């Protein structure tokens, strides 16, 4: 949404700030990102999509003084944007003259009973006026198929000006709104296993805590637009754990040894709750699927009354795939370095009638972003 008032601070965080409104300043900018200018404009407030049953729309335009976002400044033609209840785009060929580009969609009833959408691309004709010359056939063809969205309109106005006649392009808007960054992570994890059940319904076993290495490869998807504090993360992690447990009763003792190597692809939603010029803090919530192999999986039951050991008949079968929810909290420094704590409070790895196992995993990782 285009701002109607801004706050400007000189000095560090906590310094007093001044508030400026529409009638206080003519323009403001954020170096390397956005620029805004004050303009008196006419806005078409009709919705983009017109219902098939609607009669001809009455004039519902309004006039207002606003801060327009500067997209392209050219000696021949400039482009501006305004976002309120919908997106408006304005062209200007001289000081104080702002013409809104018009785009409508009508829903047309078909004789077969269905509907179709017909677009009224009036903005194409508004841009045709600024073709450099009558021989600009290829540019006219491009404009004829131009979609009504920010980046294509920016490129069209830039080309209509020509490189030498373009004095400013909002690179912040012209760049890809979705930023993808690859990272590698490595660290240490601590795992715990809770286990119940054998062929006789034994009491729960107690297991040691396991520590092992963890590695992770991932992609962070972030936006420079409206949802800039929220991102998505796709990652795949590899971690290992080894457990040993024992339980005994008056008849004998049971021991269980389990080692696992796990690959975990996951999807997370990441929220940056604090950002400064060189650092950000974030929290994440995600869902992963664990694909595990078990190099060691031996269950030994000793019955003192018979003096026998059976390694074959009583062997739990842990699941090789299970889902888990996990949480992250971390920091990213100077856009390249980071640290993160990840918690998998519990994950059920059960697929056998006599086996119920739950694994929890906590890891500390150092990250490097490319």
Protein backbone atom coordinates (compact mmCIF):
# COMPACT_ATOMS: atom_id res chain seq x y z
CA UNK A 1 0.00 0.00 0.00
CA UNK A 2 1.33 3.42 -0.88
CA UNK A 3 2.04 5.37 2.29
CA UNK A 4 0.26 8.60 3.15
CA UNK A 5 2.67 9.47 5.95
CA UNK A 6 6.24 8.51 6.73
CA UNK A 7 8.50 8.79 9.76
CA UNK A 8 12.10 9.85 9.24
CA UNK A 9 14.80 9.46 11.88
CA UNK A 10 18.30 10.90 11.96
CA UNK A 11 20.74 8.92 14.06
CA UNK A 12 20.58 5.54 15.74
CA UNK A 13 17.60 3.48 16.82
CA UNK A 14 15.79 5.30 19.60
CA UNK A 15 16.52 8.78 18.24
CA UNK A 16 13.51 11.11 17.87
CA UNK A 17 11.71 10.95 14.55
CA UNK A 18 9.70 13.40 12.49
CA UNK A 19 6.44 12.60 10.76
CA UNK A 20 5.79 13.86 7.22
CA UNK A 21 2.47 13.73 5.39
CA UNK A 22 1.19 14.34 1.88
CA UNK A 23 1.14 18.13 2.31
CA UNK A 24 4.53 18.38 4.04
CA UNK A 25 6.94 17.01 1.42
CA UNK A 26 7.12 16.63 -2.36
CA UNK A 27 9.09 13.37 -2.48
CA UNK A 28 11.15 10.87 -0.51
CA UNK A 29 13.31 7.86 -1.34
CA UNK A 30 15.11 4.89 0.14
CA UNK A 31 18.50 4.74 -1.55
CA UNK A 32 18.83 1.72 -3.77
CA UNK A 33 15.21 0.71 -3.29
CA UNK A 34 12.07 2.86 -3.65
CA UNK A 35 11.26 6.47 -4.50
CA UNK A 36 7.92 8.29 -4.13
CA UNK A 37 6.61 11.61 -5.45
CA UNK A 38 3.56 13.61 -4.52
CA UNK A 39 0.93 13.75 -7.25
CA UNK A 40 -2.66 14.88 -7.75
CA UNK A 41 -4.35 12.01 -9.62
CA UNK A 42 -7.68 10.65 -10.73
CA UNK A 43 -8.32 7.04 -9.64
CA UNK A 44 -10.71 4.60 -11.28
CA UNK A 45 -12.28 2.83 -8.29
CA UNK A 46 -14.37 0.32 -10.29
CA UNK A 47 -13.35 -3.30 -9.72
CA UNK A 48 -11.19 -4.92 -12.40
CA UNK A 49 -13.66 -7.80 -12.95
CA UNK A 50 -17.21 -6.81 -13.98
CA UNK A 51 -20.01 -9.29 -13.35
CA UNK A 52 -21.95 -10.49 -16.40
CA UNK A 53 -25.24 -9.30 -14.90
CA UNK A 54 -23.98 -5.81 -14.14
CA UNK A 55 -25.17 -2.88 -16.21
CA UNK A 56 -22.74 -0.34 -17.60
CA UNK A 57 -20.60 0.92 -14.76
CA UNK A 58 -21.10 4.50 -13.71
CA UNK A 59 -18.12 6.78 -13.28
CA UNK A 60 -16.76 5.95 -9.84
CA UNK A 61 -13.47 7.78 -10.16
CA UNK A 62 -12.13 9.95 -7.40
CA UNK A 63 -9.44 12.60 -7.21
CA UNK A 64 -6.81 12.56 -4.53
CA UNK A 65 -3.33 13.71 -3.65
CA UNK A 66 -1.11 10.68 -3.07
CA UNK A 67 2.47 9.50 -2.96
CA UNK A 68 3.09 7.63 -6.23
CA UNK A 69 5.82 5.02 -6.33
CA UNK A 70 8.33 5.82 -9.07
CA UNK A 71 8.96 2.84 -11.35
CA UNK A 72 10.57 4.41 -14.43
CA UNK A 73 11.63 8.01 -15.09
CA UNK A 74 12.22 8.90 -18.73
CA UNK A 75 12.64 12.03 -20.80
CA UNK A 76 9.70 10.97 -22.99
CA UNK A 77 7.58 8.86 -20.64
CA UNK A 78 7.53 7.90 -16.96
CA UNK A 79 5.68 5.16 -15.06
CA UNK A 80 4.29 5.26 -11.52
CA UNK A 81 2.34 2.86 -9.28
CA UNK A 82 -0.37 3.27 -6.68
CA UNK A 83 -1.78 0.40 -4.61
CA UNK A 84 -4.93 0.80 -2.50
CA UNK A 85 -7.96 -1.45 -3.04
CA UNK A 86 -6.35 -2.49 -6.35
CA UNK A 87 -3.22 -1.74 -8.38
CA UNK A 88 -3.17 1.49 -10.39
CA UNK A 89 -0.46 2.45 -12.88
CA UNK A 90 0.11 5.96 -14.23
CA UNK A 91 2.11 7.30 -17.14
CA UNK A 92 3.39 10.84 -17.39
CA UNK A 93 4.86 12.71 -20.36
CA UNK A 94 5.41 15.98 -18.54
CA UNK A 95 5.42 17.68 -15.11
CA UNK A 96 2.12 17.42 -13.27
CA UNK A 97 0.41 15.26 -15.91
CA UNK A 98 -0.53 11.76 -14.69
CA UNK A 99 -2.74 9.48 -16.81
CA UNK A 100 -4.05 6.24 -15.35
CA UNK A 101 -3.61 3.13 -17.48
CA UNK A 102 -7.01 1.45 -17.89
CA UNK A 103 -7.60 -2.30 -17.71
CA UNK A 104 -10.95 -4.09 -17.32
CA UNK A 105 -12.18 -7.69 -17.38
CA UNK A 106 -15.79 -8.49 -18.33
CA UNK A 107 -17.48 -11.84 -17.66
CA UNK A 108 -19.53 -12.75 -20.75
CA UNK A 109 -22.42 -15.22 -20.66
CA UNK A 110 -22.24 -17.83 -23.45
CA UNK A 111 -25.22 -19.37 -25.22
CA UNK A 112 -24.08 -22.78 -23.97
CA UNK A 113 -24.65 -21.58 -20.41
CA UNK A 114 -21.02 -21.08 -19.49
CA UNK A 115 -19.00 -17.88 -19.16
CA UNK A 116 -15.74 -16.48 -20.41
CA UNK A 117 -13.56 -13.53 -19.47
CA UNK A 118 -13.00 -10.75 -21.99
CA UNK A 119 -10.25 -8.26 -21.23
CA UNK A 120 -10.50 -4.60 -22.17
CA UNK A 121 -6.86 -3.65 -22.63
CA UNK A 122 -7.27 0.08 -23.07
CA UNK A 123 -3.76 0.61 -21.69
CA UNK A 124 -2.34 -0.91 -24.88
CA UNK A 125 -3.75 1.98 -26.91
CA UNK A 126 -2.55 4.49 -24.33
CA UNK A 127 1.00 3.19 -24.79
CA UNK A 128 0.77 3.02 -28.61
CA UNK A 129 0.74 6.83 -28.62
CA UNK A 130 4.36 6.84 -27.47
CA UNK A 131 5.81 4.51 -30.10
CA UNK A 132 9.06 6.10 -31.36
CA UNK A 133 7.99 5.99 -35.03
CA UNK A 134 5.66 4.27 -37.47
CA UNK A 135 8.25 1.58 -38.18
CA UNK A 136 8.23 0.28 -34.58
CA UNK A 137 6.31 -2.84 -35.63
CA UNK A 138 8.06 -5.26 -33.25
CA UNK A 139 7.53 -2.94 -30.27
CA UNK A 140 3.87 -2.46 -31.19
CA UNK A 141 3.43 -6.24 -31.34
CA UNK A 142 4.96 -6.57 -27.88
CA UNK A 143 2.67 -3.90 -26.45
CA UNK A 144 -0.34 -5.60 -28.03
CA UNK A 145 0.31 -8.71 -25.90
CA UNK A 146 1.49 -6.86 -22.79
CA UNK A 147 0.01 -8.09 -19.46
CA UNK A 148 -1.21 -5.57 -16.91
CA UNK A 149 1.45 -6.07 -14.25
CA UNK A 150 4.34 -4.13 -12.83
CA UNK A 151 7.46 -5.66 -14.34
CA UNK A 152 6.20 -6.00 -17.96
CA UNK A 153 4.90 -2.40 -17.85
CA UNK A 154 8.26 -1.20 -16.53
CA UNK A 155 10.13 -2.91 -19.34
CA UNK A 156 7.73 -1.53 -21.97
CA UNK A 157 8.06 2.07 -20.74
CA UNK A 158 11.84 1.69 -20.50
CA UNK A 159 11.96 0.48 -24.12
CA UNK A 160 9.61 3.26 -25.29
CA UNK A 161 12.06 5.80 -23.86
CA UNK A 162 15.18 4.16 -25.19
CA UNK A 163 18.27 3.62 -23.06
CA UNK A 164 19.62 7.15 -23.52
CA UNK A 165 16.29 8.73 -22.52
CA UNK A 166 15.74 6.67 -19.34
CA UNK A 167 17.00 8.51 -16.28
CA UNK A 168 15.80 6.19 -13.47
CA UNK A 169 14.59 2.60 -13.10
CA UNK A 170 13.42 1.28 -9.75
CA UNK A 171 15.83 -1.65 -9.53
CA UNK A 172 14.18 -2.82 -6.32
CA UNK A 173 10.95 -3.48 -8.24
CA UNK A 174 12.60 -4.50 -11.49
CA UNK A 175 14.62 -7.31 -9.93
CA UNK A 176 13.09 -10.71 -9.34
CA UNK A 177 10.65 -10.32 -6.40
CA UNK A 178 11.50 -13.85 -5.25
CA UNK A 179 15.04 -14.27 -3.97
CA UNK A 180 16.51 -17.78 -3.73
CA UNK A 181 19.54 -18.40 -1.56
CA UNK A 182 21.38 -21.70 -1.12
CA UNK A 183 22.90 -22.60 2.24
CA UNK A 184 24.95 -25.37 3.79
CA UNK A 185 24.80 -26.29 7.46
CA UNK A 186 26.82 -28.56 9.72
CA UNK A 187 26.74 -29.24 13.43
CA UNK A 188 25.96 -31.70 16.18
CA UNK A 189 22.69 -33.28 17.24
CA UNK A 190 21.46 -34.98 20.39
CA UNK A 191 18.80 -37.70 20.13
CA UNK A 192 16.69 -39.66 22.57
CA UNK A 193 14.63 -42.83 22.10
CA UNK A 194 11.66 -44.01 24.10
CA UNK A 195 10.65 -47.61 23.47
CA UNK A 196 7.89 -49.85 24.72
CA UNK A 197 6.84 -53.32 23.79
CA UNK A 198 8.20 -56.76 22.91
CA UNK A 199 6.51 -60.09 22.36
CA UNK A 200 5.49 -60.25 26.04
CA UNK A 201 4.51 -56.60 26.46
CA UNK A 202 7.58 -55.76 28.56
CA UNK A 203 7.90 -52.65 30.67
CA UNK A 204 9.47 -49.60 28.97
CA UNK A 205 13.20 -49.64 28.34
CA UNK A 206 15.54 -46.83 29.30
CA UNK A 207 17.97 -45.68 26.61
CA UNK A 208 21.08 -43.56 26.55
CA UNK A 209 21.12 -40.15 24.83
CA UNK A 210 22.97 -40.21 21.54
CA UNK A 211 25.09 -37.48 19.97
CA UNK A 212 26.15 -37.44 16.35
CA UNK A 213 26.86 -35.20 13.37
CA UNK A 214 24.21 -33.42 11.33
CA UNK A 215 24.51 -31.87 7.87
CA UNK A 216 21.96 -29.87 5.93
CA UNK A 217 21.52 -28.44 2.44
CA UNK A 218 18.69 -26.00 1.77
CA UNK A 219 17.06 -23.28 -0.27
CA UNK A 220 15.53 -20.14 1.24
CA UNK A 221 12.80 -18.39 -0.75
CA UNK A 222 12.19 -14.79 0.32
CA UNK A 223 10.38 -11.84 -1.21
CA UNK A 224 11.25 -8.17 -1.35
CA UNK A 225 7.58 -7.31 -1.67
CA UNK A 226 4.62 -7.31 0.75
CA UNK A 227 5.53 -10.54 2.55
CA UNK A 228 9.19 -9.68 3.04
CA UNK A 229 9.32 -10.95 6.64
CA UNK A 230 7.96 -14.39 5.72
CA UNK A 231 9.85 -16.95 3.66
CA UNK A 232 9.83 -20.61 2.72
CA UNK A 233 12.64 -23.09 3.23
CA UNK A 234 13.20 -26.39 1.44
CA UNK A 235 15.92 -28.48 3.03
CA UNK A 236 17.34 -31.96 3.31
CA UNK A 237 19.27 -33.04 6.40
CA UNK A 238 21.36 -36.07 7.30
CA UNK A 239 21.83 -37.18 10.92
CA UNK A 240 22.79 -40.31 12.83
CA UNK A 241 22.04 -41.75 16.26
CA UNK A 242 22.95 -44.89 18.24
CA UNK A 243 20.95 -46.18 21.18
CA UNK A 244 21.40 -48.94 23.73
CA UNK A 245 18.74 -49.91 26.26
CA UNK A 246 18.17 -52.56 28.89
CA UNK A 247 15.35 -53.71 31.13
CA UNK A 248 15.12 -56.62 33.49
CA UNK A 249 12.64 -58.41 35.69
CA UNK A 250 12.74 -61.44 37.91
CA UNK A 251 12.87 -63.83 34.97
CA UNK A 252 15.67 -62.30 32.93
CA UNK A 253 16.95 -59.27 31.08
CA UNK A 254 16.32 -57.76 27.67
CA UNK A 255 18.80 -55.55 25.82
CA UNK A 256 18.19 -53.61 22.65
CA UNK A 257 20.74 -51.89 20.39
CA UNK A 258 19.63 -49.63 17.58
CA UNK A 259 21.67 -47.38 15.31
CA UNK A 260 20.05 -45.27 12.61
CA UNK A 261 21.10 -43.13 9.65
CA UNK A 262 18.38 -40.71 8.64
CA UNK A 263 17.73 -38.43 5.68
CA UNK A 264 15.06 -35.80 6.36
CA UNK A 265 13.61 -33.61 3.59
CA UNK A 266 11.41 -30.86 5.02
CA UNK A 267 9.41 -27.72 4.26
CA UNK A 268 9.37 -24.77 6.67
CA UNK A 269 7.71 -21.39 6.98
CA UNK A 270 10.29 -18.89 8.25
CA UNK A 271 9.37 -15.61 9.97
CA UNK A 272 11.95 -12.89 10.58
CA UNK A 273 10.88 -11.20 13.80
CA UNK A 274 13.89 -8.86 13.99
CA UNK A 275 15.94 -7.30 11.20
CA UNK A 276 18.76 -4.76 11.17
CA UNK A 277 21.19 -3.71 8.47
CA UNK A 278 23.57 -6.63 9.15
CA UNK A 279 21.55 -9.20 11.07
CA UNK A 280 18.18 -10.86 11.32
CA UNK A 281 16.59 -13.22 13.83
CA UNK A 282 14.04 -15.74 12.64
CA UNK A 283 11.80 -18.55 13.83
CA UNK A 284 10.44 -21.40 11.74
CA UNK A 285 7.82 -24.12 11.84
CA UNK A 286 7.96 -27.05 9.46
CA UNK A 287 7.09 -30.60 8.56
CA UNK A 288 9.64 -33.25 7.63
CA UNK A 289 9.62 -36.87 6.54
CA UNK A 290 12.33 -39.13 7.91
CA UNK A 291 13.75 -41.87 5.71
CA UNK A 292 15.86 -44.13 7.92
CA UNK A 293 18.08 -47.16 7.66
CA UNK A 294 19.15 -49.25 10.67
CA UNK A 295 22.69 -50.68 10.45
CA UNK A 296 22.23 -52.13 13.94
CA UNK A 297 18.93 -53.51 15.19
CA UNK A 298 19.43 -56.36 17.68
CA UNK A 299 17.15 -57.43 20.48
CA UNK A 300 18.51 -60.02 22.93
CA UNK A 301 16.21 -61.63 25.47
CA UNK A 302 17.68 -63.72 28.26
CA UNK A 303 15.49 -65.98 30.37
CA UNK A 304 17.37 -67.06 33.49
CA UNK A 305 14.96 -69.89 34.21
CA UNK A 306 15.76 -71.57 30.88
CA UNK A 307 19.23 -70.12 30.42
CA UNK A 308 18.68 -69.30 26.80
CA UNK A 309 19.38 -66.41 24.57
CA UNK A 310 17.25 -65.71 21.55
CA UNK A 311 18.50 -63.18 19.00
CA UNK A 312 16.16 -64.07 16.19
CA UNK A 313 12.60 -64.52 17.30
CA UNK A 314 12.25 -61.20 19.16
CA UNK A 315 13.37 -58.41 16.86
CA UNK A 316 11.45 -55.12 16.71
CA UNK A 317 10.86 -53.71 13.25
CA UNK A 318 11.06 -49.90 13.39
CA UNK A 319 9.44 -47.89 10.64
CA UNK A 320 11.72 -46.76 7.85
CA UNK A 321 9.65 -43.65 7.17
CA UNK A 322 7.74 -41.34 9.49
CA UNK A 323 6.57 -37.72 9.67
CA UNK A 324 7.48 -35.13 12.27
CA UNK A 325 6.87 -31.47 13.05
CA UNK A 326 9.91 -29.41 13.97
CA UNK A 327 10.84 -25.91 15.09
CA UNK A 328 13.78 -23.65 14.29
CA UNK A 329 15.21 -20.46 15.72
CA UNK A 330 18.29 -18.84 14.27
CA UNK A 331 20.22 -15.81 13.17
CA UNK A 332 21.67 -14.68 9.85
CA UNK A 333 24.62 -12.27 9.88
CA UNK A 334 25.95 -10.17 6.99
CA UNK A 335 23.81 -12.21 4.56
CA UNK A 336 26.31 -15.10 4.56
CA UNK A 337 26.77 -16.55 8.06
CA UNK A 338 24.28 -18.01 10.48
CA UNK A 339 23.60 -20.22 13.46
CA UNK A 340 20.48 -22.22 14.20
CA UNK A 341 18.89 -24.45 16.80
CA UNK A 342 16.37 -27.02 15.55
CA UNK A 343 14.06 -29.09 17.70
CA UNK A 344 12.12 -32.23 16.78
CA UNK A 345 10.28 -32.80 20.06
CA UNK A 346 8.91 -36.18 19.03
CA UNK A 347 8.54 -38.40 16.01
CA UNK A 348 6.75 -41.73 16.10
CA UNK A 349 8.55 -44.56 14.28
CA UNK A 350 6.02 -47.35 14.76
CA UNK A 351 4.91 -49.98 12.27
CA UNK A 352 4.96 -53.21 14.28
CA UNK A 353 2.40 -54.64 16.67
CA UNK A 354 4.98 -55.21 19.43
CA UNK A 355 7.00 -52.03 18.91
CA UNK A 356 6.35 -48.40 19.84
CA UNK A 357 9.31 -46.10 19.41
CA UNK A 358 9.52 -42.30 19.55
CA UNK A 359 12.62 -40.32 18.61
CA UNK A 360 13.35 -36.74 19.67
CA UNK A 361 16.22 -34.82 18.11
CA UNK A 362 17.81 -31.45 18.94
CA UNK A 363 20.58 -29.94 16.85
CA UNK A 364 22.90 -26.95 16.82
CA UNK A 365 24.17 -25.94 13.38
CA UNK A 366 26.41 -23.35 11.79
CA UNK A 367 25.15 -22.16 8.39
CA UNK A 368 26.82 -20.58 5.38
CA UNK A 369 24.67 -18.82 2.76
CA UNK A 370 26.01 -18.57 -0.81
